[in-house]
Amino acid sequence: DSRRLLLAKPNALVMHPGPMNRGVEIST
């Protein structure tokens, strides 16, 4: 989620192979 993303580097890449389960493994 957004809070956890802040722990990574400012320009860290977020990747997902799809299909996504929004709200489960990744927030919208």
mmCIF file of all heavy atoms, coordinates in Angstrom:
data_MODEL
# 
_entry.id   MODEL 
# 
loop_
_atom_site.group_PDB 
_atom_site.id 
_atom_site.type_symbol 
_atom_site.label_atom_id 
_atom_site.label_alt_id 
_atom_site.label_comp_id 
_atom_site.label_asym_id 
_atom_site.label_entity_id 
_atom_site.label_seq_id 
_atom_site.pdbx_PDB_ins_code 
_atom_site.Cartn_x 
_atom_site.Cartn_y 
_atom_site.Cartn_z 
_atom_site.occupancy 
_atom_site.B_iso_or_equiv 
_atom_site.pdbx_formal_charge 
_atom_site.auth_seq_id 
_atom_site.auth_comp_id 
_atom_site.auth_asym_id 
_atom_site.auth_atom_id 
_atom_site.pdbx_PDB_model_num 
ATOM 1   N N   . ASP A 1 1  ? 0.841  -1.189  0.000   1.00 0.00 ? 1  ASP A N   1 
ATOM 2   C CA  . ASP A 1 1  ? 0.000  0.000   0.000   1.00 0.00 ? 1  ASP A CA  1 
ATOM 3   C C   . ASP A 1 1  ? 0.882  1.246   0.000   1.00 0.00 ? 1  ASP A C   1 
ATOM 4   O O   . ASP A 1 1  ? 2.112  1.161   -0.022  1.00 0.00 ? 1  ASP A O   1 
ATOM 5   C CB  . ASP A 1 1  ? -0.965 -0.004  1.192   1.00 0.00 ? 1  ASP A CB  1 
ATOM 6   C CG  . ASP A 1 1  ? -0.233 -0.148  2.532   1.00 0.00 ? 1  ASP A CG  1 
ATOM 7   O OD1 . ASP A 1 1  ? 0.977  0.152   2.589   1.00 0.00 ? 1  ASP A OD1 1 
ATOM 8   O OD2 . ASP A 1 1  ? -0.874 -0.560  3.512   1.00 0.00 ? 1  ASP A OD2 1 
ATOM 9   N N   . SER A 1 2  ? 0.252  2.412   0.049   1.00 0.00 ? 2  SER A N   1 
ATOM 10  C CA  . SER A 1 2  ? 0.992  3.672   -0.051  1.00 0.00 ? 2  SER A CA  1 
ATOM 11  C C   . SER A 1 2  ? 1.968  3.859   1.101   1.00 0.00 ? 2  SER A C   1 
ATOM 12  O O   . SER A 1 2  ? 3.074  4.395   0.921   1.00 0.00 ? 2  SER A O   1 
ATOM 13  C CB  . SER A 1 2  ? 0.011  4.846   -0.103  1.00 0.00 ? 2  SER A CB  1 
ATOM 14  O OG  . SER A 1 2  ? -0.809 4.760   -1.260  1.00 0.00 ? 2  SER A OG  1 
ATOM 15  N N   . ARG A 1 3  ? 1.589  3.429   2.293   1.00 0.00 ? 3  ARG A N   1 
ATOM 16  C CA  . ARG A 1 3  ? 2.486  3.566   3.440   1.00 0.00 ? 3  ARG A CA  1 
ATOM 17  C C   . ARG A 1 3  ? 3.741  2.737   3.251   1.00 0.00 ? 3  ARG A C   1 
ATOM 18  O O   . ARG A 1 3  ? 4.852  3.214   3.461   1.00 0.00 ? 3  ARG A O   1 
ATOM 19  C CB  . ARG A 1 3  ? 1.765  3.142   4.736   1.00 0.00 ? 3  ARG A CB  1 
ATOM 20  C CG  . ARG A 1 3  ? 2.669  3.257   5.983   1.00 0.00 ? 3  ARG A CG  1 
ATOM 21  C CD  . ARG A 1 3  ? 2.062  2.555   7.178   1.00 0.00 ? 3  ARG A CD  1 
ATOM 22  N NE  . ARG A 1 3  ? 2.042  1.108   7.039   1.00 0.00 ? 3  ARG A NE  1 
ATOM 23  C CZ  . ARG A 1 3  ? 3.104  0.328   7.255   1.00 0.00 ? 3  ARG A CZ  1 
ATOM 24  N NH1 . ARG A 1 3  ? 4.294  0.858   7.569   1.00 0.00 ? 3  ARG A NH1 1 
ATOM 25  N NH2 . ARG A 1 3  ? 3.003  -0.987  7.125   1.00 0.00 ? 3  ARG A NH2 1 
ATOM 26  N N   . ARG A 1 4  ? 3.562  1.508   2.837   1.00 0.00 ? 4  ARG A N   1 
ATOM 27  C CA  . ARG A 1 4  ? 4.720  0.631   2.659   1.00 0.00 ? 4  ARG A CA  1 
ATOM 28  C C   . ARG A 1 4  ? 5.601  1.074   1.489   1.00 0.00 ? 4  ARG A C   1 
ATOM 29  O O   . ARG A 1 4  ? 6.817  0.886   1.516   1.00 0.00 ? 4  ARG A O   1 
ATOM 30  C CB  . ARG A 1 4  ? 4.257  -0.819  2.452   1.00 0.00 ? 4  ARG A CB  1 
ATOM 31  C CG  . ARG A 1 4  ? 3.750  -1.470  3.738   1.00 0.00 ? 4  ARG A CG  1 
ATOM 32  C CD  . ARG A 1 4  ? 3.794  -2.982  3.636   1.00 0.00 ? 4  ARG A CD  1 
ATOM 33  N NE  . ARG A 1 4  ? 3.556  -3.581  4.930   1.00 0.00 ? 4  ARG A NE  1 
ATOM 34  C CZ  . ARG A 1 4  ? 2.435  -4.213  5.293   1.00 0.00 ? 4  ARG A CZ  1 
ATOM 35  N NH1 . ARG A 1 4  ? 1.452  -4.343  4.416   1.00 0.00 ? 4  ARG A NH1 1 
ATOM 36  N NH2 . ARG A 1 4  ? 2.305  -4.717  6.498   1.00 0.00 ? 4  ARG A NH2 1 
ATOM 37  N N   . LEU A 1 5  ? 4.998  1.644   0.483   1.00 0.00 ? 5  LEU A N   1 
ATOM 38  C CA  . LEU A 1 5  ? 5.775  2.092   -0.666  1.00 0.00 ? 5  LEU A CA  1 
ATOM 39  C C   . LEU A 1 5  ? 6.774  3.172   -0.265  1.00 0.00 ? 5  LEU A C   1 
ATOM 40  O O   . LEU A 1 5  ? 7.866  3.274   -0.848  1.00 0.00 ? 5  LEU A O   1 
ATOM 41  C CB  . LEU A 1 5  ? 4.840  2.607   -1.765  1.00 0.00 ? 5  LEU A CB  1 
ATOM 42  C CG  . LEU A 1 5  ? 5.508  3.040   -3.079  1.00 0.00 ? 5  LEU A CG  1 
ATOM 43  C CD1 . LEU A 1 5  ? 6.331  1.899   -3.685  1.00 0.00 ? 5  LEU A CD1 1 
ATOM 44  C CD2 . LEU A 1 5  ? 4.455  3.519   -4.068  1.00 0.00 ? 5  LEU A CD2 1 
ATOM 45  N N   . LEU A 1 6  ? 6.437  3.959   0.750   1.00 0.00 ? 6  LEU A N   1 
ATOM 46  C CA  . LEU A 1 6  ? 7.331  5.011   1.224   1.00 0.00 ? 6  LEU A CA  1 
ATOM 47  C C   . LEU A 1 6  ? 8.608  4.448   1.840   1.00 0.00 ? 6  LEU A C   1 
ATOM 48  O O   . LEU A 1 6  ? 9.606  5.158   1.968   1.00 0.00 ? 6  LEU A O   1 
ATOM 49  C CB  . LEU A 1 6  ? 6.611  5.901   2.250   1.00 0.00 ? 6  LEU A CB  1 
ATOM 50  C CG  . LEU A 1 6  ? 5.457  6.755   1.715   1.00 0.00 ? 6  LEU A CG  1 
ATOM 51  C CD1 . LEU A 1 6  ? 4.756  7.463   2.858   1.00 0.00 ? 6  LEU A CD1 1 
ATOM 52  C CD2 . LEU A 1 6  ? 5.957  7.754   0.683   1.00 0.00 ? 6  LEU A CD2 1 
ATOM 53  N N   . LEU A 1 7  ? 8.601  3.184   2.231   1.00 0.00 ? 7  LEU A N   1 
ATOM 54  C CA  . LEU A 1 7  ? 9.790  2.561   2.805   1.00 0.00 ? 7  LEU A CA  1 
ATOM 55  C C   . LEU A 1 7  ? 10.851 2.291   1.746   1.00 0.00 ? 7  LEU A C   1 
ATOM 56  O O   . LEU A 1 7  ? 12.040 2.212   2.057   1.00 0.00 ? 7  LEU A O   1 
ATOM 57  C CB  . LEU A 1 7  ? 9.416  1.245   3.496   1.00 0.00 ? 7  LEU A CB  1 
ATOM 58  C CG  . LEU A 1 7  ? 8.417  1.341   4.652   1.00 0.00 ? 7  LEU A CG  1 
ATOM 59  C CD1 . LEU A 1 7  ? 7.991  -0.063  5.086   1.00 0.00 ? 7  LEU A CD1 1 
ATOM 60  C CD2 . LEU A 1 7  ? 9.020  2.105   5.820   1.00 0.00 ? 7  LEU A CD2 1 
ATOM 61  N N   . ALA A 1 8  ? 10.424 2.144   0.514   1.00 0.00 ? 8  ALA A N   1 
ATOM 62  C CA  . ALA A 1 8  ? 11.361 1.897   -0.590  1.00 0.00 ? 8  ALA A CA  1 
ATOM 63  C C   . ALA A 1 8  ? 11.999 3.211   -1.023  1.00 0.00 ? 8  ALA A C   1 
ATOM 64  O O   . ALA A 1 8  ? 11.681 4.285   -0.508  1.00 0.00 ? 8  ALA A O   1 
ATOM 65  C CB  . ALA A 1 8  ? 10.625 1.251   -1.750  1.00 0.00 ? 8  ALA A CB  1 
ATOM 66  N N   . LYS A 1 9  ? 12.917 3.127   -1.978  1.00 0.00 ? 9  LYS A N   1 
ATOM 67  C CA  . LYS A 1 9  ? 13.537 4.334   -2.499  1.00 0.00 ? 9  LYS A CA  1 
ATOM 68  C C   . LYS A 1 9  ? 12.483 5.200   -3.196  1.00 0.00 ? 9  LYS A C   1 
ATOM 69  O O   . LYS A 1 9  ? 11.477 4.683   -3.706  1.00 0.00 ? 9  LYS A O   1 
ATOM 70  C CB  . LYS A 1 9  ? 14.669 3.964   -3.446  1.00 0.00 ? 9  LYS A CB  1 
ATOM 71  C CG  . LYS A 1 9  ? 15.870 3.375   -2.724  1.00 0.00 ? 9  LYS A CG  1 
ATOM 72  C CD  . LYS A 1 9  ? 17.020 3.088   -3.671  1.00 0.00 ? 9  LYS A CD  1 
ATOM 73  C CE  . LYS A 1 9  ? 18.217 2.519   -2.919  1.00 0.00 ? 9  LYS A CE  1 
ATOM 74  N NZ  . LYS A 1 9  ? 19.351 2.177   -3.814  1.00 0.00 ? 9  LYS A NZ  1 
ATOM 75  N N   . PRO A 1 10 ? 12.694 6.507   -3.250  1.00 0.00 ? 10 PRO A N   1 
ATOM 76  C CA  . PRO A 1 10 ? 11.671 7.417   -3.786  1.00 0.00 ? 10 PRO A CA  1 
ATOM 77  C C   . PRO A 1 10 ? 11.174 7.062   -5.184  1.00 0.00 ? 10 PRO A C   1 
ATOM 78  O O   . PRO A 1 10 ? 9.997  7.250   -5.493  1.00 0.00 ? 10 PRO A O   1 
ATOM 79  C CB  . PRO A 1 10 ? 12.379 8.781   -3.772  1.00 0.00 ? 10 PRO A CB  1 
ATOM 80  C CG  . PRO A 1 10 ? 13.395 8.654   -2.684  1.00 0.00 ? 10 PRO A CG  1 
ATOM 81  C CD  . PRO A 1 10 ? 13.855 7.231   -2.725  1.00 0.00 ? 10 PRO A CD  1 
ATOM 82  N N   . ASN A 1 11 ? 12.056 6.563   -6.028  1.00 0.00 ? 11 ASN A N   1 
ATOM 83  C CA  . ASN A 1 11 ? 11.676 6.234   -7.408  1.00 0.00 ? 11 ASN A CA  1 
ATOM 84  C C   . ASN A 1 11 ? 11.643 4.732   -7.652  1.00 0.00 ? 11 ASN A C   1 
ATOM 85  O O   . ASN A 1 11 ? 11.819 4.267   -8.783  1.00 0.00 ? 11 ASN A O   1 
ATOM 86  C CB  . ASN A 1 11 ? 12.641 6.896   -8.391  1.00 0.00 ? 11 ASN A CB  1 
ATOM 87  C CG  . ASN A 1 11 ? 12.556 8.406   -8.347  1.00 0.00 ? 11 ASN A CG  1 
ATOM 88  O OD1 . ASN A 1 11 ? 11.470 8.970   -8.262  1.00 0.00 ? 11 ASN A OD1 1 
ATOM 89  N ND2 . ASN A 1 11 ? 13.702 9.067   -8.377  1.00 0.00 ? 11 ASN A ND2 1 
ATOM 90  N N   . ALA A 1 12 ? 11.397 3.957   -6.605  1.00 0.00 ? 12 ALA A N   1 
ATOM 91  C CA  . ALA A 1 12 ? 11.361 2.496   -6.741  1.00 0.00 ? 12 ALA A CA  1 
ATOM 92  C C   . ALA A 1 12 ? 10.281 2.079   -7.729  1.00 0.00 ? 12 ALA A C   1 
ATOM 93  O O   . ALA A 1 12 ? 9.193  2.669   -7.785  1.00 0.00 ? 12 ALA A O   1 
ATOM 94  C CB  . ALA A 1 12 ? 11.088 1.855   -5.387  1.00 0.00 ? 12 ALA A CB  1 
ATOM 95  N N   . LEU A 1 13 ? 10.587 1.052   -8.523  1.00 0.00 ? 13 LEU A N   1 
ATOM 96  C CA  . LEU A 1 13 ? 9.626  0.540   -9.497  1.00 0.00 ? 13 LEU A CA  1 
ATOM 97  C C   . LEU A 1 13 ? 8.644  -0.404  -8.818  1.00 0.00 ? 13 LEU A C   1 
ATOM 98  O O   . LEU A 1 13 ? 9.033  -1.239  -8.002  1.00 0.00 ? 13 LEU A O   1 
ATOM 99  C CB  . LEU A 1 13 ? 10.344 -0.210  -10.620 1.00 0.00 ? 13 LEU A CB  1 
ATOM 100 C CG  . LEU A 1 13 ? 11.430 0.525   -11.391 1.00 0.00 ? 13 LEU A CG  1 
ATOM 101 C CD1 . LEU A 1 13 ? 11.974 -0.370  -12.502 1.00 0.00 ? 13 LEU A CD1 1 
ATOM 102 C CD2 . LEU A 1 13 ? 10.905 1.834   -11.958 1.00 0.00 ? 13 LEU A CD2 1 
ATOM 103 N N   . VAL A 1 14 ? 7.375  -0.294  -9.169  1.00 0.00 ? 14 VAL A N   1 
ATOM 104 C CA  . VAL A 1 14 ? 6.351  -1.220  -8.702  1.00 0.00 ? 14 VAL A CA  1 
ATOM 105 C C   . VAL A 1 14 ? 5.904  -2.053  -9.889  1.00 0.00 ? 14 VAL A C   1 
ATOM 106 O O   . VAL A 1 14 ? 5.451  -1.513  -10.906 1.00 0.00 ? 14 VAL A O   1 
ATOM 107 C CB  . VAL A 1 14 ? 5.144  -0.476  -8.099  1.00 0.00 ? 14 VAL A CB  1 
ATOM 108 C CG1 . VAL A 1 14 ? 4.035  -1.465  -7.736  1.00 0.00 ? 14 VAL A CG1 1 
ATOM 109 C CG2 . VAL A 1 14 ? 5.572  0.316   -6.873  1.00 0.00 ? 14 VAL A CG2 1 
ATOM 110 N N   . MET A 1 15 ? 6.038  -3.366  -9.752  1.00 0.00 ? 15 MET A N   1 
ATOM 111 C CA  . MET A 1 15 ? 5.722  -4.266  -10.853 1.00 0.00 ? 15 MET A CA  1 
ATOM 112 C C   . MET A 1 15 ? 4.715  -5.316  -10.399 1.00 0.00 ? 15 MET A C   1 
ATOM 113 O O   . MET A 1 15 ? 4.582  -5.612  -9.202  1.00 0.00 ? 15 MET A O   1 
ATOM 114 C CB  . MET A 1 15 ? 6.989  -4.944  -11.360 1.00 0.00 ? 15 MET A CB  1 
ATOM 115 C CG  . MET A 1 15 ? 8.109  -3.983  -11.711 1.00 0.00 ? 15 MET A CG  1 
ATOM 116 S SD  . MET A 1 15 ? 9.610  -4.789  -12.296 1.00 0.00 ? 15 MET A SD  1 
ATOM 117 C CE  . MET A 1 15 ? 9.069  -5.370  -13.894 1.00 0.00 ? 15 MET A CE  1 
ATOM 118 N N   . HIS A 1 16 ? 3.991  -5.879  -11.362 1.00 0.00 ? 16 HIS A N   1 
ATOM 119 C CA  . HIS A 1 16 ? 3.031  -6.952  -11.094 1.00 0.00 ? 16 HIS A CA  1 
ATOM 120 C C   . HIS A 1 16 ? 2.814  -7.706  -12.401 1.00 0.00 ? 16 HIS A C   1 
ATOM 121 O O   . HIS A 1 16 ? 2.583  -7.089  -13.438 1.00 0.00 ? 16 HIS A O   1 
ATOM 122 C CB  . HIS A 1 16 ? 1.708  -6.381  -10.578 1.00 0.00 ? 16 HIS A CB  1 
ATOM 123 C CG  . HIS A 1 16 ? 0.801  -7.407  -9.964  1.00 0.00 ? 16 HIS A CG  1 
ATOM 124 N ND1 . HIS A 1 16 ? 0.281  -8.480  -10.662 1.00 0.00 ? 16 HIS A ND1 1 
ATOM 125 C CD2 . HIS A 1 16 ? 0.309  -7.532  -8.703  1.00 0.00 ? 16 HIS A CD2 1 
ATOM 126 C CE1 . HIS A 1 16 ? -0.478 -9.213  -9.861  1.00 0.00 ? 16 HIS A CE1 1 
ATOM 127 N NE2 . HIS A 1 16 ? -0.476 -8.661  -8.670  1.00 0.00 ? 16 HIS A NE2 1 
ATOM 128 N N   . PRO A 1 17 ? 2.904  -9.040  -12.388 1.00 0.00 ? 17 PRO A N   1 
ATOM 129 C CA  . PRO A 1 17 ? 2.741  -9.797  -13.628 1.00 0.00 ? 17 PRO A CA  1 
ATOM 130 C C   . PRO A 1 17 ? 1.306  -9.852  -14.123 1.00 0.00 ? 17 PRO A C   1 
ATOM 131 O O   . PRO A 1 17 ? 1.062  -10.211 -15.279 1.00 0.00 ? 17 PRO A O   1 
ATOM 132 C CB  . PRO A 1 17 ? 3.242  -11.194 -13.255 1.00 0.00 ? 17 PRO A CB  1 
ATOM 133 C CG  . PRO A 1 17 ? 2.989  -11.286 -11.782 1.00 0.00 ? 17 PRO A CG  1 
ATOM 134 C CD  . PRO A 1 17 ? 3.247  -9.904  -11.251 1.00 0.00 ? 17 PRO A CD  1 
ATOM 135 N N   . GLY A 1 18 ? 0.331  -9.536  -13.252 1.00 0.00 ? 18 GLY A N   1 
ATOM 136 C CA  . GLY A 1 18 ? -1.068 -9.600  -13.630 1.00 0.00 ? 18 GLY A CA  1 
ATOM 137 C C   . GLY A 1 18 ? -1.581 -11.038 -13.710 1.00 0.00 ? 18 GLY A C   1 
ATOM 138 O O   . GLY A 1 18 ? -0.785 -11.966 -13.879 1.00 0.00 ? 18 GLY A O   1 
ATOM 139 N N   . PRO A 1 19 ? -2.869 -11.224 -13.587 1.00 0.00 ? 19 PRO A N   1 
ATOM 140 C CA  . PRO A 1 19 ? -3.856 -10.206 -13.242 1.00 0.00 ? 19 PRO A CA  1 
ATOM 141 C C   . PRO A 1 19 ? -3.765 -9.812  -11.771 1.00 0.00 ? 19 PRO A C   1 
ATOM 142 O O   . PRO A 1 19 ? -3.368 -10.619 -10.936 1.00 0.00 ? 19 PRO A O   1 
ATOM 143 C CB  . PRO A 1 19 ? -5.191 -10.902 -13.552 1.00 0.00 ? 19 PRO A CB  1 
ATOM 144 C CG  . PRO A 1 19 ? -4.900 -12.353 -13.338 1.00 0.00 ? 19 PRO A CG  1 
ATOM 145 C CD  . PRO A 1 19 ? -3.486 -12.559 -13.783 1.00 0.00 ? 19 PRO A CD  1 
ATOM 146 N N   . MET A 1 20 ? -4.126 -8.590  -11.475 1.00 0.00 ? 20 MET A N   1 
ATOM 147 C CA  . MET A 1 20 ? -4.040 -8.088  -10.107 1.00 0.00 ? 20 MET A CA  1 
ATOM 148 C C   . MET A 1 20 ? -5.307 -8.381  -9.321  1.00 0.00 ? 20 MET A C   1 
ATOM 149 O O   . MET A 1 20 ? -6.407 -8.315  -9.854  1.00 0.00 ? 20 MET A O   1 
ATOM 150 C CB  . MET A 1 20 ? -3.825 -6.572  -10.113 1.00 0.00 ? 20 MET A CB  1 
ATOM 151 C CG  . MET A 1 20 ? -2.491 -6.116  -10.618 1.00 0.00 ? 20 MET A CG  1 
ATOM 152 S SD  . MET A 1 20 ? -2.325 -4.307  -10.490 1.00 0.00 ? 20 MET A SD  1 
ATOM 153 C CE  . MET A 1 20 ? -3.459 -3.760  -11.777 1.00 0.00 ? 20 MET A CE  1 
ATOM 154 N N   . ASN A 1 21 ? -5.120 -8.657  -8.038  1.00 0.00 ? 21 ASN A N   1 
ATOM 155 C CA  . ASN A 1 21 ? -6.223 -8.678  -7.086  1.00 0.00 ? 21 ASN A CA  1 
ATOM 156 C C   . ASN A 1 21 ? -6.119 -7.388  -6.277  1.00 0.00 ? 21 ASN A C   1 
ATOM 157 O O   . ASN A 1 21 ? -5.422 -7.330  -5.258  1.00 0.00 ? 21 ASN A O   1 
ATOM 158 C CB  . ASN A 1 21 ? -6.135 -9.895  -6.156  1.00 0.00 ? 21 ASN A CB  1 
ATOM 159 C CG  . ASN A 1 21 ? -6.345 -11.194 -6.907  1.00 0.00 ? 21 ASN A CG  1 
ATOM 160 O OD1 . ASN A 1 21 ? -7.326 -11.365 -7.610  1.00 0.00 ? 21 ASN A OD1 1 
ATOM 161 N ND2 . ASN A 1 21 ? -5.403 -12.114 -6.768  1.00 0.00 ? 21 ASN A ND2 1 
ATOM 162 N N   . ARG A 1 22 ? -6.752 -6.336  -6.752  1.00 0.00 ? 22 ARG A N   1 
ATOM 163 C CA  . ARG A 1 22 ? -6.663 -5.047  -6.067  1.00 0.00 ? 22 ARG A CA  1 
ATOM 164 C C   . ARG A 1 22 ? -7.247 -5.154  -4.659  1.00 0.00 ? 22 ARG A C   1 
ATOM 165 O O   . ARG A 1 22 ? -8.296 -5.760  -4.459  1.00 0.00 ? 22 ARG A O   1 
ATOM 166 C CB  . ARG A 1 22 ? -7.406 -3.976  -6.861  1.00 0.00 ? 22 ARG A CB  1 
ATOM 167 C CG  . ARG A 1 22 ? -6.745 -3.618  -8.186  1.00 0.00 ? 22 ARG A CG  1 
ATOM 168 C CD  . ARG A 1 22 ? -7.584 -2.637  -8.977  1.00 0.00 ? 22 ARG A CD  1 
ATOM 169 N NE  . ARG A 1 22 ? -6.995 -2.301  -10.261 1.00 0.00 ? 22 ARG A NE  1 
ATOM 170 C CZ  . ARG A 1 22 ? -6.310 -1.177  -10.506 1.00 0.00 ? 22 ARG A CZ  1 
ATOM 171 N NH1 . ARG A 1 22 ? -6.148 -0.286  -9.533  1.00 0.00 ? 22 ARG A NH1 1 
ATOM 172 N NH2 . ARG A 1 22 ? -5.803 -0.950  -11.707 1.00 0.00 ? 22 ARG A NH2 1 
ATOM 173 N N   . GLY A 1 23 ? -6.541 -4.566  -3.723  1.00 0.00 ? 23 GLY A N   1 
ATOM 174 C CA  . GLY A 1 23 ? -6.992 -4.614  -2.346  1.00 0.00 ? 23 GLY A CA  1 
ATOM 175 C C   . GLY A 1 23 ? -6.571 -5.869  -1.611  1.00 0.00 ? 23 GLY A C   1 
ATOM 176 O O   . GLY A 1 23 ? -6.872 -6.033  -0.426  1.00 0.00 ? 23 GLY A O   1 
ATOM 177 N N   . VAL A 1 24 ? -5.883 -6.771  -2.321  1.00 0.00 ? 24 VAL A N   1 
ATOM 178 C CA  . VAL A 1 24 ? -5.378 -7.991  -1.683  1.00 0.00 ? 24 VAL A CA  1 
ATOM 179 C C   . VAL A 1 24 ? -3.848 -7.916  -1.661  1.00 0.00 ? 24 VAL A C   1 
ATOM 180 O O   . VAL A 1 24 ? -3.262 -7.603  -0.632  1.00 0.00 ? 24 VAL A O   1 
ATOM 181 C CB  . VAL A 1 24 ? -5.856 -9.260  -2.415  1.00 0.00 ? 24 VAL A CB  1 
ATOM 182 C CG1 . VAL A 1 24 ? -5.312 -10.512 -1.724  1.00 0.00 ? 24 VAL A CG1 1 
ATOM 183 C CG2 . VAL A 1 24 ? -7.377 -9.297  -2.448  1.00 0.00 ? 24 VAL A CG2 1 
ATOM 184 N N   . GLU A 1 25 ? -3.196 -8.160  -2.797  1.00 0.00 ? 25 GLU A N   1 
ATOM 185 C CA  . GLU A 1 25 ? -1.737 -8.067  -2.799  1.00 0.00 ? 25 GLU A CA  1 
ATOM 186 C C   . GLU A 1 25 ? -1.243 -6.647  -3.087  1.00 0.00 ? 25 GLU A C   1 
ATOM 187 O O   . GLU A 1 25 ? -0.089 -6.317  -2.806  1.00 0.00 ? 25 GLU A O   1 
ATOM 188 C CB  . GLU A 1 25 ? -1.128 -9.048  -3.806  1.00 0.00 ? 25 GLU A CB  1 
ATOM 189 C CG  . GLU A 1 25 ? -1.418 -8.737  -5.261  1.00 0.00 ? 25 GLU A CG  1 
ATOM 190 C CD  . GLU A 1 25 ? -2.494 -9.636  -5.834  1.00 0.00 ? 25 GLU A CD  1 
ATOM 191 O OE1 . GLU A 1 25 ? -3.091 -10.404 -5.049  1.00 0.00 ? 25 GLU A OE1 1 
ATOM 192 O OE2 . GLU A 1 25 ? -2.718 -9.580  -7.058  1.00 0.00 ? 25 GLU A OE2 1 
ATOM 193 N N   . ILE A 1 26 ? -2.085 -5.813  -3.657  1.00 0.00 ? 26 ILE A N   1 
ATOM 194 C CA  . ILE A 1 26 ? -1.674 -4.449  -3.986  1.00 0.00 ? 26 ILE A CA  1 
ATOM 195 C C   . ILE A 1 26 ? -2.875 -3.521  -3.909  1.00 0.00 ? 26 ILE A C   1 
ATOM 196 O O   . ILE A 1 26 ? -3.991 -3.897  -4.286  1.00 0.00 ? 26 ILE A O   1 
ATOM 197 C CB  . ILE A 1 26 ? -1.033 -4.400  -5.391  1.00 0.00 ? 26 ILE A CB  1 
ATOM 198 C CG1 . ILE A 1 26 ? -0.391 -3.050  -5.677  1.00 0.00 ? 26 ILE A CG1 1 
ATOM 199 C CG2 . ILE A 1 26 ? -2.038 -4.776  -6.474  1.00 0.00 ? 26 ILE A CG2 1 
ATOM 200 C CD1 . ILE A 1 26 ? 0.472  -3.038  -6.932  1.00 0.00 ? 26 ILE A CD1 1 
ATOM 201 N N   . SER A 1 27 ? -2.658 -2.312  -3.400  1.00 0.00 ? 27 SER A N   1 
ATOM 202 C CA  . SER A 1 27 ? -3.750 -1.343  -3.311  1.00 0.00 ? 27 SER A CA  1 
ATOM 203 C C   . SER A 1 27 ? -3.910 -0.621  -4.638  1.00 0.00 ? 27 SER A C   1 
ATOM 204 O O   . SER A 1 27 ? -2.963 -0.521  -5.431  1.00 0.00 ? 27 SER A O   1 
ATOM 205 C CB  . SER A 1 27 ? -3.471 -0.328  -2.195  1.00 0.00 ? 27 SER A CB  1 
ATOM 206 O OG  . SER A 1 27 ? -2.372 0.498   -2.536  1.00 0.00 ? 27 SER A OG  1 
ATOM 207 N N   . THR A 1 28 ? -5.083 -0.096  -4.875  1.00 0.00 ? 28 THR A N   1 
ATOM 208 C CA  . THR A 1 28 ? -5.348 0.628   -6.119  1.00 0.00 ? 28 THR A CA  1 
ATOM 209 C C   . THR A 1 28 ? -4.465 1.857   -6.241  1.00 0.00 ? 28 THR A C   1 
ATOM 210 O O   . THR A 1 28 ? -3.967 2.182   -7.331  1.00 0.00 ? 28 THR A O   1 
ATOM 211 C CB  . THR A 1 28 ? -6.830 1.021   -6.196  1.00 0.00 ? 28 THR A CB  1 
ATOM 212 O OG1 . THR A 1 28 ? -7.621 -0.165  -6.327  1.00 0.00 ? 28 THR A OG1 1 
ATOM 213 C CG2 . THR A 1 28 ? -7.102 1.924   -7.388  1.00 0.00 ? 28 THR A CG2 1 
# 
